Amino acid sequence: MVRKKVGESCCAAMGEGMGCCKVESLVSVDERGQMVLPKDIRDKAKIKAGDKLAVVSWQMGGEVSCISLIKTDAITSMVRDMLGPMMKEIIQD
């Protein structure tokens, strides 16, 4: 069961153990297509200057409906966790 603090809204689509999603803040895109990730969000996510983030988009009905930022360190460990057991199985065969 996903627990949430009072006042937090949790995404119903998230499965058990997947955590919780919520609107953290609103950002604007300027004329050059740039936006600023608010400092409090950077602090919570421990994002600092020079960090690399992967931009992941989710599509519904042929249109991008969600854009996520994932630290590249996290992506590396996710891929290793997913592919590691599969590669081990292939090597053993």
N, C-alpha and C. Protein backbone atom coordinates (compact mmCIF):
# COMPACT_ATOMS: atom_id res chain seq x y z
N MET A 1 0.84 -1.19 0.00
CA MET A 1 0.00 0.00 0.00
C MET A 1 0.88 1.24 0.00
N VAL A 2 0.57 2.19 -0.85
CA VAL A 2 1.30 3.45 -0.92
C VAL A 2 0.74 4.40 0.11
N ARG A 3 1.59 4.92 0.96
CA ARG A 3 1.15 5.86 1.99
C ARG A 3 1.41 7.27 1.51
N LYS A 4 0.56 8.17 1.94
CA LYS A 4 0.75 9.57 1.58
C LYS A 4 0.49 10.44 2.79
N LYS A 5 1.11 11.60 2.79
CA LYS A 5 0.90 12.56 3.86
C LYS A 5 -0.42 13.27 3.64
N VAL A 6 -0.99 13.75 4.72
CA VAL A 6 -2.23 14.51 4.63
C VAL A 6 -2.00 15.71 3.72
N GLY A 7 -2.92 15.92 2.80
CA GLY A 7 -2.80 17.05 1.89
C GLY A 7 -2.11 16.72 0.59
N GLU A 8 -1.48 15.53 0.51
CA GLU A 8 -0.84 15.14 -0.74
C GLU A 8 -1.83 14.40 -1.60
N SER A 9 -1.78 14.63 -2.88
CA SER A 9 -2.62 13.92 -3.82
C SER A 9 -1.76 12.88 -4.52
N CYS A 10 -2.21 11.64 -4.54
CA CYS A 10 -1.41 10.58 -5.13
C CYS A 10 -2.04 10.10 -6.42
N CYS A 11 -1.20 9.79 -7.38
CA CYS A 11 -1.64 9.30 -8.68
C CYS A 11 -2.24 7.91 -8.53
N ALA A 12 -3.49 7.73 -8.91
CA ALA A 12 -4.17 6.44 -8.78
C ALA A 12 -3.59 5.39 -9.72
N ALA A 13 -2.93 5.81 -10.79
CA ALA A 13 -2.40 4.86 -11.77
C ALA A 13 -1.12 4.18 -11.30
N MET A 14 -0.51 4.69 -10.25
CA MET A 14 0.74 4.11 -9.77
C MET A 14 0.44 2.81 -9.05
N GLY A 15 1.19 1.79 -9.35
CA GLY A 15 1.01 0.49 -8.72
C GLY A 15 1.63 0.46 -7.34
N GLU A 16 1.33 -0.60 -6.61
CA GLU A 16 1.87 -0.77 -5.27
C GLU A 16 3.39 -0.78 -5.32
N GLY A 17 4.01 -0.06 -4.42
CA GLY A 17 5.46 0.01 -4.38
C GLY A 17 6.07 0.95 -5.40
N MET A 18 5.26 1.60 -6.20
CA MET A 18 5.75 2.49 -7.25
C MET A 18 5.93 3.92 -6.75
N GLY A 19 5.52 4.20 -5.54
CA GLY A 19 5.64 5.56 -5.03
C GLY A 19 4.41 6.37 -5.34
N CYS A 20 4.58 7.67 -5.31
CA CYS A 20 3.45 8.55 -5.48
C CYS A 20 3.86 9.71 -6.39
N CYS A 21 2.98 10.13 -7.26
CA CYS A 21 3.27 11.28 -8.09
C CYS A 21 2.35 12.42 -7.68
N LYS A 22 2.84 13.64 -7.79
CA LYS A 22 2.03 14.80 -7.47
C LYS A 22 2.57 16.01 -8.20
N VAL A 23 1.75 17.02 -8.34
CA VAL A 23 2.19 18.27 -8.95
C VAL A 23 3.04 19.01 -7.91
N GLU A 24 4.30 19.20 -8.23
CA GLU A 24 5.23 19.86 -7.31
C GLU A 24 5.25 21.37 -7.52
N SER A 25 5.22 21.79 -8.77
CA SER A 25 5.25 23.21 -9.08
C SER A 25 4.89 23.39 -10.55
N LEU A 26 4.74 24.62 -10.95
CA LEU A 26 4.48 24.96 -12.34
C LEU A 26 5.68 25.73 -12.86
N VAL A 27 6.08 25.45 -14.09
CA VAL A 27 7.19 26.17 -14.71
C VAL A 27 6.72 26.73 -16.04
N SER A 28 7.38 27.77 -16.48
CA SER A 28 7.06 28.39 -17.77
C SER A 28 8.20 28.13 -18.74
N VAL A 29 7.86 28.03 -20.00
CA VAL A 29 8.85 27.86 -21.05
C VAL A 29 9.02 29.22 -21.72
N ASP A 30 10.29 29.68 -21.85
CA ASP A 30 10.51 30.99 -22.47
C ASP A 30 10.59 30.86 -23.98
N GLU A 31 10.85 31.99 -24.65
CA GLU A 31 10.86 32.05 -26.11
C GLU A 31 11.90 31.11 -26.72
N ARG A 32 12.98 30.83 -25.97
CA ARG A 32 14.05 29.96 -26.47
C ARG A 32 13.80 28.50 -26.11
N GLY A 33 12.67 28.20 -25.50
CA GLY A 33 12.35 26.82 -25.14
C GLY A 33 12.98 26.38 -23.83
N GLN A 34 13.49 27.32 -23.06
CA GLN A 34 14.14 26.98 -21.80
C GLN A 34 13.17 27.13 -20.64
N MET A 35 13.44 26.37 -19.58
CA MET A 35 12.66 26.49 -18.35
C MET A 35 13.59 26.29 -17.17
N VAL A 36 13.17 26.75 -16.02
CA VAL A 36 13.97 26.64 -14.81
C VAL A 36 13.30 25.64 -13.88
N LEU A 37 14.08 24.67 -13.43
CA LEU A 37 13.61 23.73 -12.43
C LEU A 37 13.76 24.41 -11.07
N PRO A 38 12.65 24.63 -10.35
CA PRO A 38 12.72 25.39 -9.10
C PRO A 38 13.72 24.81 -8.10
N LYS A 39 14.35 25.69 -7.34
CA LYS A 39 15.40 25.30 -6.38
C LYS A 39 14.90 24.28 -5.38
N ASP A 40 13.69 24.44 -4.85
CA ASP A 40 13.21 23.48 -3.85
C ASP A 40 13.07 22.08 -4.44
N ILE A 41 12.71 21.97 -5.71
CA ILE A 41 12.62 20.68 -6.39
C ILE A 41 14.02 20.11 -6.60
N ARG A 42 14.96 20.97 -7.06
CA ARG A 42 16.35 20.51 -7.23
C ARG A 42 16.91 20.02 -5.91
N ASP A 43 16.63 20.73 -4.83
CA ASP A 43 17.12 20.32 -3.51
C ASP A 43 16.52 18.98 -3.08
N LYS A 44 15.20 18.82 -3.24
CA LYS A 44 14.54 17.55 -2.87
C LYS A 44 15.10 16.38 -3.66
N ALA A 45 15.37 16.61 -4.96
CA ALA A 45 15.85 15.55 -5.84
C ALA A 45 17.38 15.42 -5.82
N LYS A 46 18.03 16.29 -5.04
CA LYS A 46 19.49 16.31 -4.96
C LYS A 46 20.13 16.46 -6.34
N ILE A 47 19.56 17.38 -7.12
CA ILE A 47 20.09 17.70 -8.45
C ILE A 47 20.98 18.92 -8.30
N LYS A 48 22.21 18.79 -8.79
CA LYS A 48 23.15 19.90 -8.69
C LYS A 48 23.73 20.22 -10.06
N ALA A 49 24.39 21.35 -10.16
CA ALA A 49 24.98 21.77 -11.44
C ALA A 49 25.88 20.67 -11.97
N GLY A 50 25.75 20.38 -13.26
CA GLY A 50 26.57 19.36 -13.89
C GLY A 50 25.92 17.98 -13.94
N ASP A 51 24.86 17.75 -13.15
CA ASP A 51 24.17 16.46 -13.19
C ASP A 51 23.54 16.26 -14.56
N LYS A 52 23.49 15.03 -15.00
CA LYS A 52 22.85 14.68 -16.27
C LYS A 52 21.49 14.08 -15.98
N LEU A 53 20.48 14.51 -16.73
CA LEU A 53 19.12 14.02 -16.57
C LEU A 53 18.63 13.47 -17.91
N ALA A 54 17.99 12.32 -17.87
CA ALA A 54 17.37 11.76 -19.07
C ALA A 54 15.94 12.31 -19.14
N VAL A 55 15.54 12.73 -20.33
CA VAL A 55 14.19 13.21 -20.56
C VAL A 55 13.39 12.05 -21.15
N VAL A 56 12.37 11.61 -20.43
CA VAL A 56 11.56 10.46 -20.84
C VAL A 56 10.14 10.95 -21.09
N SER A 57 9.61 10.64 -22.28
CA SER A 57 8.24 11.06 -22.58
C SER A 57 7.33 9.84 -22.63
N TRP A 58 6.09 10.05 -22.25
CA TRP A 58 5.05 9.02 -22.29
C TRP A 58 3.99 9.51 -23.26
N GLN A 59 3.51 8.63 -24.12
CA GLN A 59 2.52 9.04 -25.11
C GLN A 59 1.19 8.34 -24.86
N MET A 60 0.14 9.08 -25.11
CA MET A 60 -1.22 8.54 -25.08
C MET A 60 -1.93 9.11 -26.30
N GLY A 61 -2.55 8.27 -27.08
CA GLY A 61 -3.27 8.75 -28.25
C GLY A 61 -2.39 9.45 -29.25
N GLY A 62 -1.13 9.05 -29.32
CA GLY A 62 -0.21 9.65 -30.29
C GLY A 62 0.37 11.00 -29.88
N GLU A 63 0.03 11.49 -28.69
CA GLU A 63 0.56 12.77 -28.21
C GLU A 63 1.31 12.57 -26.91
N VAL A 64 2.36 13.34 -26.70
CA VAL A 64 3.10 13.28 -25.44
C VAL A 64 2.20 13.81 -24.34
N SER A 65 1.98 13.00 -23.32
CA SER A 65 1.10 13.41 -22.23
C SER A 65 1.87 13.64 -20.93
N CYS A 66 3.11 13.14 -20.87
CA CYS A 66 3.89 13.29 -19.65
C CYS A 66 5.37 13.32 -20.01
N ILE A 67 6.10 14.20 -19.37
CA ILE A 67 7.54 14.27 -19.54
C ILE A 67 8.17 14.12 -18.16
N SER A 68 9.08 13.17 -18.04
CA SER A 68 9.76 12.92 -16.76
C SER A 68 11.25 13.17 -16.91
N LEU A 69 11.88 13.60 -15.83
CA LEU A 69 13.32 13.75 -15.77
C LEU A 69 13.85 12.68 -14.82
N ILE A 70 14.83 11.91 -15.27
CA ILE A 70 15.40 10.85 -14.44
C ILE A 70 16.91 11.02 -14.44
N LYS A 71 17.50 11.01 -13.25
CA LYS A 71 18.96 11.11 -13.16
C LYS A 71 19.58 9.94 -13.91
N THR A 72 20.64 10.21 -14.66
CA THR A 72 21.25 9.14 -15.45
C THR A 72 21.81 8.04 -14.56
N ASP A 73 22.24 8.37 -13.35
CA ASP A 73 22.70 7.33 -12.42
C ASP A 73 21.59 6.34 -12.13
N ALA A 74 20.36 6.85 -11.97
CA ALA A 74 19.21 5.98 -11.68
C ALA A 74 18.88 5.12 -12.89
N ILE A 75 18.98 5.69 -14.08
CA ILE A 75 18.71 4.93 -15.31
C ILE A 75 19.70 3.77 -15.43
N THR A 76 20.96 4.05 -15.17
CA THR A 76 21.99 3.02 -15.26
C THR A 76 21.67 1.85 -14.34
N SER A 77 21.31 2.15 -13.09
CA SER A 77 21.01 1.06 -12.16
C SER A 77 19.71 0.34 -12.54
N MET A 78 18.73 1.08 -13.10
CA MET A 78 17.49 0.43 -13.54
C MET A 78 17.76 -0.56 -14.67
N VAL A 79 18.58 -0.13 -15.64
CA VAL A 79 18.90 -1.01 -16.77
C VAL A 79 19.68 -2.23 -16.27
N ARG A 80 20.63 -1.99 -15.39
CA ARG A 80 21.41 -3.10 -14.84
C ARG A 80 20.50 -4.08 -14.10
N ASP A 81 19.56 -3.57 -13.31
CA ASP A 81 18.63 -4.42 -12.57
C ASP A 81 17.72 -5.22 -13.50
N MET A 82 17.32 -4.60 -14.62
CA MET A 82 16.43 -5.29 -15.56
C MET A 82 17.18 -6.28 -16.43
N LEU A 83 18.32 -5.85 -16.96
CA LEU A 83 19.05 -6.70 -17.90
C LEU A 83 19.98 -7.70 -17.24
N GLY A 84 20.45 -7.40 -16.05
CA GLY A 84 21.39 -8.28 -15.35
C GLY A 84 20.90 -9.72 -15.25
N PRO A 85 19.71 -9.95 -14.67
CA PRO A 85 19.21 -11.33 -14.56
C PRO A 85 19.02 -12.00 -15.92
N MET A 86 18.58 -11.23 -16.92
CA MET A 86 18.37 -11.77 -18.25
C MET A 86 19.71 -12.18 -18.88
N MET A 87 20.73 -11.33 -18.73
CA MET A 87 22.04 -11.64 -19.28
C MET A 87 22.65 -12.85 -18.57
N LYS A 88 22.46 -12.93 -17.26
CA LYS A 88 22.97 -14.06 -16.50
C LYS A 88 22.35 -15.36 -17.01
N GLU A 89 21.06 -15.33 -17.29
CA GLU A 89 20.34 -16.49 -17.81
C GLU A 89 20.86 -16.87 -19.20
N ILE A 90 21.12 -15.88 -20.05
CA ILE A 90 21.63 -16.14 -21.40
C ILE A 90 23.01 -16.76 -21.34
N ILE A 91 23.85 -16.22 -20.46
CA ILE A 91 25.22 -16.71 -20.34
C ILE A 91 25.24 -18.15 -19.82
N GLN A 92 24.33 -18.49 -18.94
CA GLN A 92 24.28 -19.84 -18.37
C GLN A 92 23.81 -20.87 -19.37
N ASP A 93 23.05 -20.46 -20.36
CA ASP A 93 22.50 -21.42 -21.35
C ASP A 93 23.52 -21.89 -22.32
